[in-house]
Every structure is written in structure tokens, then in C-alpha cells.
């Protein structure tokens, strides 16, 4: 001990050092526990469940001729069935992260009266390239190069 150090100042200094160590460990634990494991953009969304069906409630960009609605069903893993208000289109679908890619689609061959007669062309264009998708509760949003469609899950 030096002249200015007394047993009480040494004890107080040791106590303060111990408190700083404990506080430092606690802060580090909170930071590590609360640190995100990855950003929300990095996390892949949960694919629509098998058997789920959706109907459009909003379309921005190029509208569906005749007003649609766009209806999409995921009957089994890797399969999709959809209509934009005229014929039903069925085929494969691949989900990779936030991208959904439709394979070749077979369709019924009904003739549809105007203005729904352009719905099949709209759907073929919409499904011709991968779409970005996001699911939030019962809402499914699909975004192509020309349109964004918000759909709601139906029973």
C-alpha cells in the first residue's frame, strides 16, 4: 500500500473493478443474445402450405383482363393450379428462397367472352418468368416484372 491507499480505498477499488467486470459481462451477454442471426431479407420465407388456396384482392401494374381474380392452389408439394378468371392452368412450381418458378402449365381450353378473353394471356405472361414472393400470415404477395398481386388465403 502507498501512503494514500488505505484498506478501505483498496477494498472500494476492488469492489468497483468487480462491478465493472460483472456489468461488462452482462452487457456482452445481452448484445450476443439479442444480435440477429441474419437479416430478415436473408431469411427464406415459409412456402405456402400444401393444400392452401389463395384469391387475389389487389393487383398493381398490368391488371388482369376482366378483373380476375387470380386464384392459386398448392394441391401437393411442387404442384400448382391457377386461374385468372378464364381457364385453369396446372403444372409444376419450384420454390427457392423468395423466388417461385412455374414450370410448363397445361390448361383447360374454354373460350372466354370479353373482357376475360385476355386473362389466359395475362396469366401465361405472369407465370413465364420467376416471381418474387412473400407470405405474411394469410396474405401471399407475388411480384413479376409487370405486376404485383396480393392474395388472401381462402378455405
C-alpha atoms as a PDB file:
ATOM      1  CA  UNK A   1       0.000   0.000   0.000  1.00  0.00           C
ATOM      2  CA  UNK A   2       1.137   3.508  -0.706  1.00  0.00           C
ATOM      3  CA  UNK A   3       0.713   6.413   1.665  1.00  0.00           C
ATOM      4  CA  UNK A   4      -2.649   7.425   0.109  1.00  0.00           C
ATOM      5  CA  UNK A   5      -4.045   3.875  -0.056  1.00  0.00           C
ATOM      6  CA  UNK A   6      -5.874   2.647   2.968  1.00  0.00           C
ATOM      7  CA  UNK A   7      -7.531  -0.695   3.426  1.00  0.00           C
ATOM      8  CA  UNK A   8     -10.919   0.929   2.736  1.00  0.00           C
ATOM      9  CA  UNK A   9      -9.799   2.563  -0.558  1.00  0.00           C
ATOM     10  CA  UNK A  10      -8.231  -0.705  -1.747  1.00  0.00           C
ATOM     11  CA  UNK A  11     -11.474  -2.540  -0.926  1.00  0.00           C
ATOM     12  CA  UNK A  12     -13.554   0.141  -2.672  1.00  0.00           C
ATOM     13  CA  UNK A  13     -11.320  -0.024  -5.760  1.00  0.00           C
ATOM     14  CA  UNK A  14     -11.548  -3.827  -5.862  1.00  0.00           C
ATOM     15  CA  UNK A  15     -15.328  -3.655  -5.450  1.00  0.00           C
ATOM     16  CA  UNK A  16     -15.648  -1.140  -8.309  1.00  0.00           C
ATOM     17  CA  UNK A  17     -13.448  -3.308 -10.545  1.00  0.00           C
ATOM     18  CA  UNK A  18     -15.623  -6.345  -9.762  1.00  0.00           C
ATOM     19  CA  UNK A  19     -18.794  -4.379 -10.511  1.00  0.00           C
ATOM     20  CA  UNK A  20     -17.370  -3.200 -13.859  1.00  0.00           C
ATOM     21  CA  UNK A  21     -16.465  -6.775 -14.808  1.00  0.00           C
ATOM     22  CA  UNK A  22     -19.956  -8.047 -13.939  1.00  0.00           C
ATOM     23  CA  UNK A  23     -21.637  -5.182 -15.828  1.00  0.00           C
ATOM     24  CA  UNK A  24     -19.364  -5.740 -18.825  1.00  0.00           C
ATOM     25  CA  UNK A  25     -20.175  -9.461 -18.927  1.00  0.00           C
ATOM     26  CA  UNK A  26     -23.903  -8.730 -18.603  1.00  0.00           C
ATOM     27  CA  UNK A  27     -23.825  -6.187 -21.453  1.00  0.00           C
ATOM     28  CA  UNK A  28     -21.896  -8.595 -23.664  1.00  0.00           C
ATOM     29  CA  UNK A  29     -24.416 -11.355 -22.916  1.00  0.00           C
ATOM     30  CA  UNK A  30     -27.348  -9.100 -23.835  1.00  0.00           C
ATOM     31  CA  UNK A  31     -25.681  -7.976 -27.056  1.00  0.00           C
ATOM     32  CA  UNK A  32     -24.861 -11.550 -28.088  1.00  0.00           C
ATOM     33  CA  UNK A  33     -28.316 -12.844 -27.152  1.00  0.00           C
ATOM     34  CA  UNK A  34     -30.200 -10.059 -28.947  1.00  0.00           C
ATOM     35  CA  UNK A  35     -27.971  -9.995 -32.011  1.00  0.00           C
ATOM     36  CA  UNK A  36     -29.875 -11.116 -35.110  1.00  0.00           C
ATOM     37  CA  UNK A  37     -28.647 -14.335 -36.666  1.00  0.00           C
ATOM     38  CA  UNK A  38     -29.261 -12.814 -40.105  1.00  0.00           C
ATOM     39  CA  UNK A  39     -31.298 -10.024 -41.563  1.00  0.00           C
ATOM     40  CA  UNK A  40     -34.978 -10.521 -42.417  1.00  0.00           C
ATOM     41  CA  UNK A  41     -34.013 -10.309 -46.089  1.00  0.00           C
ATOM     42  CA  UNK A  42     -31.612 -13.249 -45.655  1.00  0.00           C
ATOM     43  CA  UNK A  43     -34.257 -15.487 -44.118  1.00  0.00           C
ATOM     44  CA  UNK A  44     -36.181 -17.535 -46.657  1.00  0.00           C
ATOM     45  CA  UNK A  45     -39.928 -17.139 -46.311  1.00  0.00           C
ATOM     46  CA  UNK A  46     -42.011 -20.160 -45.379  1.00  0.00           C
ATOM     47  CA  UNK A  47     -43.599 -21.625 -48.527  1.00  0.00           C
ATOM     48  CA  UNK A  48     -47.379 -21.773 -48.773  1.00  0.00           C
ATOM     49  CA  UNK A  49     -48.579 -24.960 -47.107  1.00  0.00           C
ATOM     50  CA  UNK A  50     -49.714 -27.891 -49.236  1.00  0.00           C
ATOM     51  CA  UNK A  51     -53.449 -27.680 -49.777  1.00  0.00           C
ATOM     52  CA  UNK A  52     -53.598 -23.910 -49.346  1.00  0.00           C
ATOM     53  CA  UNK A  53     -55.618 -21.762 -51.749  1.00  0.00           C
ATOM     54  CA  UNK A  54     -55.386 -18.011 -52.379  1.00  0.00           C
ATOM     55  CA  UNK A  55     -57.538 -15.415 -54.177  1.00  0.00           C
ATOM     56  CA  UNK A  56     -56.309 -12.008 -55.324  1.00  0.00           C
ATOM     57  CA  UNK A  57     -57.508  -8.912 -53.531  1.00  0.00           C
ATOM     58  CA  UNK A  58     -55.270  -6.358 -55.250  1.00  0.00           C
ATOM     59  CA  UNK A  59     -53.292  -6.109 -58.495  1.00  0.00           C
ATOM     60  CA  UNK A  60     -50.891  -3.275 -59.251  1.00  0.00           C
ATOM     61  CA  UNK A  61     -49.131  -2.797 -62.566  1.00  0.00           C
ATOM     62  CA  UNK A  62     -50.682  -4.645 -65.508  1.00  0.00           C
ATOM     63  CA  UNK A  63     -54.236  -5.530 -64.457  1.00  0.00           C
ATOM     64  CA  UNK A  64     -55.919  -8.887 -65.089  1.00  0.00           C
ATOM     65  CA  UNK A  65     -58.287  -8.555 -68.083  1.00  0.00           C
ATOM     66  CA  UNK A  66     -61.835  -8.843 -66.801  1.00  0.00           C
ATOM     67  CA  UNK A  67     -60.695  -8.232 -63.227  1.00  0.00           C
ATOM     68  CA  UNK A  68     -59.729 -11.827 -62.442  1.00  0.00           C
ATOM     69  CA  UNK A  69     -59.458 -12.742 -59.688  1.00  0.00           C
ATOM     70  CA  UNK A  70     -56.206 -14.687 -59.754  1.00  0.00           C
ATOM     71  CA  UNK A  71     -56.761 -17.899 -57.799  1.00  0.00           C
ATOM     72  CA  UNK A  72     -53.841 -20.154 -56.868  1.00  0.00           C
ATOM     73  CA  UNK A  73     -53.935 -23.563 -55.172  1.00  0.00           C
ATOM     74  CA  UNK A  74     -50.932 -25.588 -54.000  1.00  0.00           C
ATOM     75  CA  UNK A  75     -52.525 -29.093 -54.048  1.00  0.00           C
ATOM     76  CA  UNK A  76     -49.335 -31.015 -53.282  1.00  0.00           C
ATOM     77  CA  UNK A  77     -45.609 -30.418 -52.986  1.00  0.00           C
ATOM     78  CA  UNK A  78     -44.189 -28.981 -56.208  1.00  0.00           C
ATOM     79  CA  UNK A  79     -47.600 -28.590 -57.885  1.00  0.00           C
ATOM     80  CA  UNK A  80     -49.774 -25.551 -58.609  1.00  0.00           C
ATOM     81  CA  UNK A  81     -53.213 -24.921 -60.082  1.00  0.00           C
ATOM     82  CA  UNK A  82     -54.315 -21.404 -61.001  1.00  0.00           C
ATOM     83  CA  UNK A  83     -56.799 -19.329 -62.953  1.00  0.00           C
ATOM     84  CA  UNK A  84     -57.055 -15.633 -63.737  1.00  0.00           C
ATOM     85  CA  UNK A  85     -60.783 -15.799 -64.481  1.00  0.00           C
ATOM     86  CA  UNK A  86     -60.925 -17.986 -67.584  1.00  0.00           C
ATOM     87  CA  UNK A  87     -59.145 -21.354 -67.954  1.00  0.00           C
ATOM     88  CA  UNK A  88     -57.494 -23.374 -65.177  1.00  0.00           C
ATOM     89  CA  UNK A  89     -53.723 -23.849 -65.554  1.00  0.00           C
ATOM     90  CA  UNK A  90     -51.893 -26.688 -63.774  1.00  0.00           C
ATOM     91  CA  UNK A  91     -48.275 -27.706 -63.512  1.00  0.00           C
ATOM     92  CA  UNK A  92     -45.095 -27.671 -61.517  1.00  0.00           C
ATOM     93  CA  UNK A  93     -43.887 -24.962 -59.184  1.00  0.00           C
ATOM     94  CA  UNK A  94     -40.461 -24.645 -57.608  1.00  0.00           C
ATOM     95  CA  UNK A  95     -39.848 -22.521 -54.538  1.00  0.00           C
ATOM     96  CA  UNK A  96     -36.260 -21.414 -53.940  1.00  0.00           C
ATOM     97  CA  UNK A  97     -35.903 -18.873 -51.152  1.00  0.00           C
ATOM     98  CA  UNK A  98     -38.021 -15.865 -52.092  1.00  0.00           C
ATOM     99  CA  UNK A  99     -38.351 -16.940 -55.740  1.00  0.00           C
ATOM    100  CA  UNK A 100     -41.210 -19.010 -57.130  1.00  0.00           C
ATOM    101  CA  UNK A 101     -40.803 -20.508 -60.612  1.00  0.00           C
ATOM    102  CA  UNK A 102     -43.687 -22.048 -62.536  1.00  0.00           C
ATOM    103  CA  UNK A 103     -42.947 -24.911 -64.925  1.00  0.00           C
ATOM    104  CA  UNK A 104     -44.813 -25.634 -68.148  1.00  0.00           C
ATOM    105  CA  UNK A 105     -48.518 -25.287 -67.446  1.00  0.00           C
ATOM    106  CA  UNK A 106     -51.298 -27.347 -69.029  1.00  0.00           C
ATOM    107  CA  UNK A 107     -54.715 -25.708 -69.185  1.00  0.00           C
ATOM    108  CA  UNK A 108     -58.352 -26.277 -69.925  1.00  0.00           C
ATOM    109  CA  UNK A 109     -59.439 -24.911 -73.322  1.00  0.00           C
ATOM    110  CA  UNK A 110     -62.670 -22.979 -72.759  1.00  0.00           C
ATOM    111  CA  UNK A 111     -63.426 -19.944 -74.896  1.00  0.00           C
ATOM    112  CA  UNK A 112     -63.955 -16.918 -72.663  1.00  0.00           C
ATOM    113  CA  UNK A 113     -66.000 -13.878 -73.643  1.00  0.00           C
ATOM    114  CA  UNK A 114     -64.536 -10.379 -73.459  1.00  0.00           C
ATOM    115  CA  UNK A 115     -63.139  -8.916 -71.284  1.00  0.00           C
ATOM    116  CA  UNK A 116     -61.986 -12.212 -69.721  1.00  0.00           C
ATOM    117  CA  UNK A 117     -60.648 -13.444 -73.068  1.00  0.00           C
ATOM    118  CA  UNK A 118     -57.252 -11.891 -72.256  1.00  0.00           C
ATOM    119  CA  UNK A 119     -56.972 -13.465 -68.778  1.00  0.00           C
ATOM    120  CA  UNK A 120     -55.132 -16.570 -70.015  1.00  0.00           C
ATOM    121  CA  UNK A 121     -52.527 -14.474 -71.858  1.00  0.00           C
ATOM    122  CA  UNK A 122     -52.070 -12.338 -68.731  1.00  0.00           C
ATOM    123  CA  UNK A 123     -51.557 -15.480 -66.620  1.00  0.00           C
ATOM    124  CA  UNK A 124     -49.139 -17.027 -69.144  1.00  0.00           C
ATOM    125  CA  UNK A 125     -47.094 -13.809 -69.134  1.00  0.00           C
ATOM    126  CA  UNK A 126     -47.222 -13.564 -65.312  1.00  0.00           C
ATOM    127  CA  UNK A 127     -46.019 -17.181 -64.887  1.00  0.00           C
ATOM    128  CA  UNK A 128     -43.425 -17.116 -67.701  1.00  0.00           C
ATOM    129  CA  UNK A 129     -40.556 -15.902 -65.503  1.00  0.00           C
ATOM    130  CA  UNK A 130     -39.720 -16.431 -61.821  1.00  0.00           C
ATOM    131  CA  UNK A 131     -41.729 -14.252 -59.447  1.00  0.00           C
ATOM    132  CA  UNK A 132     -40.676 -12.868 -56.084  1.00  0.00           C
ATOM    133  CA  UNK A 133     -42.995 -13.937 -53.318  1.00  0.00           C
ATOM    134  CA  UNK A 134     -43.643 -13.160 -49.698  1.00  0.00           C
ATOM    135  CA  UNK A 135     -46.140 -14.616 -47.265  1.00  0.00           C
ATOM    136  CA  UNK A 136     -47.362 -12.680 -44.234  1.00  0.00           C
ATOM    137  CA  UNK A 137     -49.955 -14.586 -42.228  1.00  0.00           C
ATOM    138  CA  UNK A 138     -52.814 -15.309 -44.627  1.00  0.00           C
ATOM    139  CA  UNK A 139     -51.556 -12.888 -47.306  1.00  0.00           C
ATOM    140  CA  UNK A 140     -49.396 -14.016 -50.230  1.00  0.00           C
ATOM    141  CA  UNK A 141     -47.749 -11.392 -52.445  1.00  0.00           C
ATOM    142  CA  UNK A 142     -46.397 -12.341 -55.875  1.00  0.00           C
ATOM    143  CA  UNK A 143     -44.334  -9.851 -57.882  1.00  0.00           C
ATOM    144  CA  UNK A 144     -43.464 -10.297 -61.552  1.00  0.00           C
ATOM    145  CA  UNK A 145     -41.691  -7.845 -63.827  1.00  0.00           C
ATOM    146  CA  UNK A 146     -45.034  -6.260 -64.787  1.00  0.00           C
ATOM    147  CA  UNK A 147     -47.492  -6.873 -61.926  1.00  0.00           C
ATOM    148  CA  UNK A 148     -47.731  -7.301 -58.160  1.00  0.00           C
ATOM    149  CA  UNK A 149     -50.619  -9.409 -56.898  1.00  0.00           C
ATOM    150  CA  UNK A 150     -51.725  -9.550 -53.268  1.00  0.00           C
ATOM    151  CA  UNK A 151     -53.727 -12.694 -52.483  1.00  0.00           C
ATOM    152  CA  UNK A 152     -55.550 -13.800 -49.342  1.00  0.00           C
ATOM    153  CA  UNK A 153     -55.811 -17.394 -48.194  1.00  0.00           C
ATOM    154  CA  UNK A 154     -59.289 -18.879 -48.658  1.00  0.00           C
ATOM    155  CA  UNK A 155     -60.883 -22.019 -47.237  1.00  0.00           C
END
